[in-house]
Structure formats: structure tokens, C-alpha cells
Amino acid sequence: MTKSSHYSGSASDQGCKKAKLVAVEMYSTIKDKGVGAAIKQYHQLKKKSSMDYKFDEAQLNTLGYGLLSQNRNADAIQILQLNTSLFPASENRINNELTSTYCKYCQMTLSI
């Protein structure tokens, strides 16, 4: 085996780039500018940088549940609504998550 046929460089050395997590970018934006700005950011990144980020439904689902765990229920609902609109094929599972979030949010709102 010649040296040129045995390469052990990293993926980035070979021109492969690991996709960034869009949920991380959006969470930072939510903290700084609000959920509306993060949703706008999602659409902009998907349009301009679709190869640089992961845009699967799990990203938005994880972000939504992360917000819910921080009692940011209104923000979580908006993210889960976005997920439902973007991934209608998974609508039943996402709708169940969205319904669950609505129920938790309503219970908290009614108890105030």
C-alpha cells in the first residue's frame, strides 16, 4: 500500500463538513431577540445555508421541549407549531407533542 492510498486525515481535511445544529443557533437567537426572530432565522438559514445546518424535525422538537423544560411555554408552542407546519408527514406525533404543550400551558395559565 502506498502512502497516497492510505490517508488518515480528519473529515474536515477531506472536504467533509459536519452540519451545525440549527436548534443551537435558534436557541441563542431566542435568548437574545425572541422566538419570532429565531423562526425568521430558521427560514433564512434554510434558504441560504441549507448545507451547513441540520434542518430535520428532531432539531425543532428538541428545541421546543428544551423551552418547555424552562417554562417558556409560549415559545415552545411557537417552535412546535413551526415543526408541525414544516413536517406534515409526522403531523400525528408532532401534533400530540403540541397538544401536550398546549395542555401544560393552559393548566399553568389557569392556575395563575
Protein backbone atom coordinates (compact mmCIF):
# COMPACT_ATOMS: atom_id res chain seq x y z
CA MET A 1 0.00 0.00 0.00
CA THR A 2 1.40 3.34 -0.97
CA LYS A 3 1.28 6.35 1.27
CA SER A 4 -1.19 8.11 -1.05
CA SER A 5 -3.73 5.27 -0.83
CA HIS A 6 -3.72 5.23 2.98
CA TYR A 7 -4.99 8.55 4.31
CA SER A 8 -5.96 9.03 7.91
CA GLY A 9 -6.75 12.74 7.91
CA SER A 10 -9.83 14.20 9.57
CA ALA A 11 -13.17 14.61 7.82
CA SER A 12 -12.61 18.37 7.54
CA ASP A 13 -9.25 17.74 5.89
CA GLN A 14 -11.06 15.67 3.27
CA GLY A 15 -13.56 18.41 2.43
CA CYS A 16 -16.37 16.95 4.56
CA LYS A 17 -18.00 19.40 6.88
CA LYS A 18 -20.15 18.44 9.85
CA ALA A 19 -23.53 20.16 9.78
CA LYS A 20 -24.25 22.61 12.59
CA LEU A 21 -27.33 22.17 14.73
CA VAL A 22 -29.96 24.74 13.79
CA ALA A 23 -31.57 24.35 17.22
CA VAL A 24 -28.42 25.71 18.88
CA GLU A 25 -28.41 28.78 16.63
CA MET A 26 -32.12 29.33 17.18
CA TYR A 27 -31.87 28.99 20.96
CA SER A 28 -29.21 31.67 21.06
CA THR A 29 -31.44 33.93 18.99
CA ILE A 30 -34.45 33.23 21.21
CA LYS A 31 -32.46 34.29 24.27
CA ASP A 32 -31.23 37.48 22.61
CA LYS A 33 -34.07 38.54 20.31
CA GLY A 34 -37.11 36.34 20.94
CA VAL A 35 -38.79 33.40 19.29
CA GLY A 36 -40.12 35.39 16.33
CA ALA A 37 -36.58 36.34 15.33
CA ALA A 38 -35.47 32.71 15.70
CA ILE A 39 -38.24 31.49 13.41
CA LYS A 40 -37.25 34.09 10.84
CA GLN A 41 -33.64 32.97 11.26
CA TYR A 42 -34.63 29.34 10.62
CA HIS A 43 -36.18 30.25 7.27
CA GLN A 44 -33.22 32.44 6.29
CA LEU A 45 -30.66 29.78 7.18
CA LYS A 46 -32.60 27.10 5.35
CA LYS A 47 -32.76 29.27 2.25
CA LYS A 48 -29.14 30.48 2.29
CA SER A 49 -27.17 27.86 4.25
CA SER A 50 -29.09 24.61 3.89
CA MET A 51 -25.93 22.54 3.53
CA ASP A 52 -24.35 23.97 6.68
CA TYR A 53 -27.11 23.09 9.17
CA LYS A 54 -29.26 20.16 10.18
CA PHE A 55 -32.89 21.04 9.50
CA ASP A 56 -34.63 17.82 10.48
CA GLU A 57 -37.75 17.73 12.63
CA ALA A 58 -35.76 16.48 15.61
CA GLN A 59 -33.99 19.84 15.79
CA LEU A 60 -37.21 21.78 16.31
CA ASN A 61 -38.68 19.11 18.55
CA THR A 62 -35.62 19.19 20.82
CA LEU A 63 -35.69 22.97 20.90
CA GLY A 64 -39.41 23.01 21.71
CA TYR A 65 -39.03 20.56 24.58
CA GLY A 66 -35.97 22.42 25.86
CA LEU A 67 -38.01 25.60 26.02
CA LEU A 68 -40.86 23.75 27.69
CA SER A 69 -38.49 22.42 30.36
CA GLN A 70 -37.54 26.04 31.09
CA ASN A 71 -41.21 27.00 31.44
CA ARG A 72 -41.01 29.06 28.25
CA ASN A 73 -44.31 27.58 27.17
CA ALA A 74 -45.40 30.23 24.66
CA ASP A 75 -42.02 29.99 22.91
CA ALA A 76 -42.21 26.18 22.92
CA ILE A 77 -45.67 26.29 21.34
CA GLN A 78 -44.45 28.53 18.51
CA ILE A 79 -41.49 26.22 17.80
CA LEU A 80 -43.68 23.10 17.85
CA GLN A 81 -46.20 24.85 15.57
CA LEU A 82 -43.37 25.58 13.15
CA ASN A 83 -42.33 21.93 13.32
CA THR A 84 -45.89 20.82 12.55
CA SER A 85 -46.11 23.11 9.53
CA LEU A 86 -42.71 22.08 8.15
CA PHE A 87 -43.05 18.33 8.64
CA PRO A 88 -46.69 17.42 7.96
CA ALA A 89 -45.80 13.77 7.31
CA SER A 90 -45.02 13.47 11.03
CA GLU A 91 -48.04 15.51 11.96
CA ASN A 92 -49.62 12.94 14.29
CA ARG A 93 -46.59 12.63 16.53
CA ILE A 94 -45.81 16.35 16.46
CA ASN A 95 -49.47 17.26 16.97
CA ASN A 96 -49.52 15.03 20.05
CA GLU A 97 -46.48 16.90 21.38
CA LEU A 98 -48.05 20.23 20.51
CA THR A 99 -51.33 19.26 22.17
CA SER A 100 -49.45 18.15 25.27
CA THR A 101 -47.66 21.51 25.36
CA TYR A 102 -50.93 23.40 24.95
CA CYS A 103 -52.39 21.44 27.85
CA LYS A 104 -49.44 22.19 30.12
CA TYR A 105 -49.50 25.85 29.13
CA CYS A 106 -53.24 26.16 29.70
CA GLN A 107 -53.01 24.46 33.08
CA MET A 108 -50.29 26.90 34.15
CA THR A 109 -52.21 29.89 32.79
CA LEU A 110 -55.42 28.83 34.50
CA SER A 111 -53.65 28.31 37.82
CA ILE A 112 -52.33 31.90 37.89
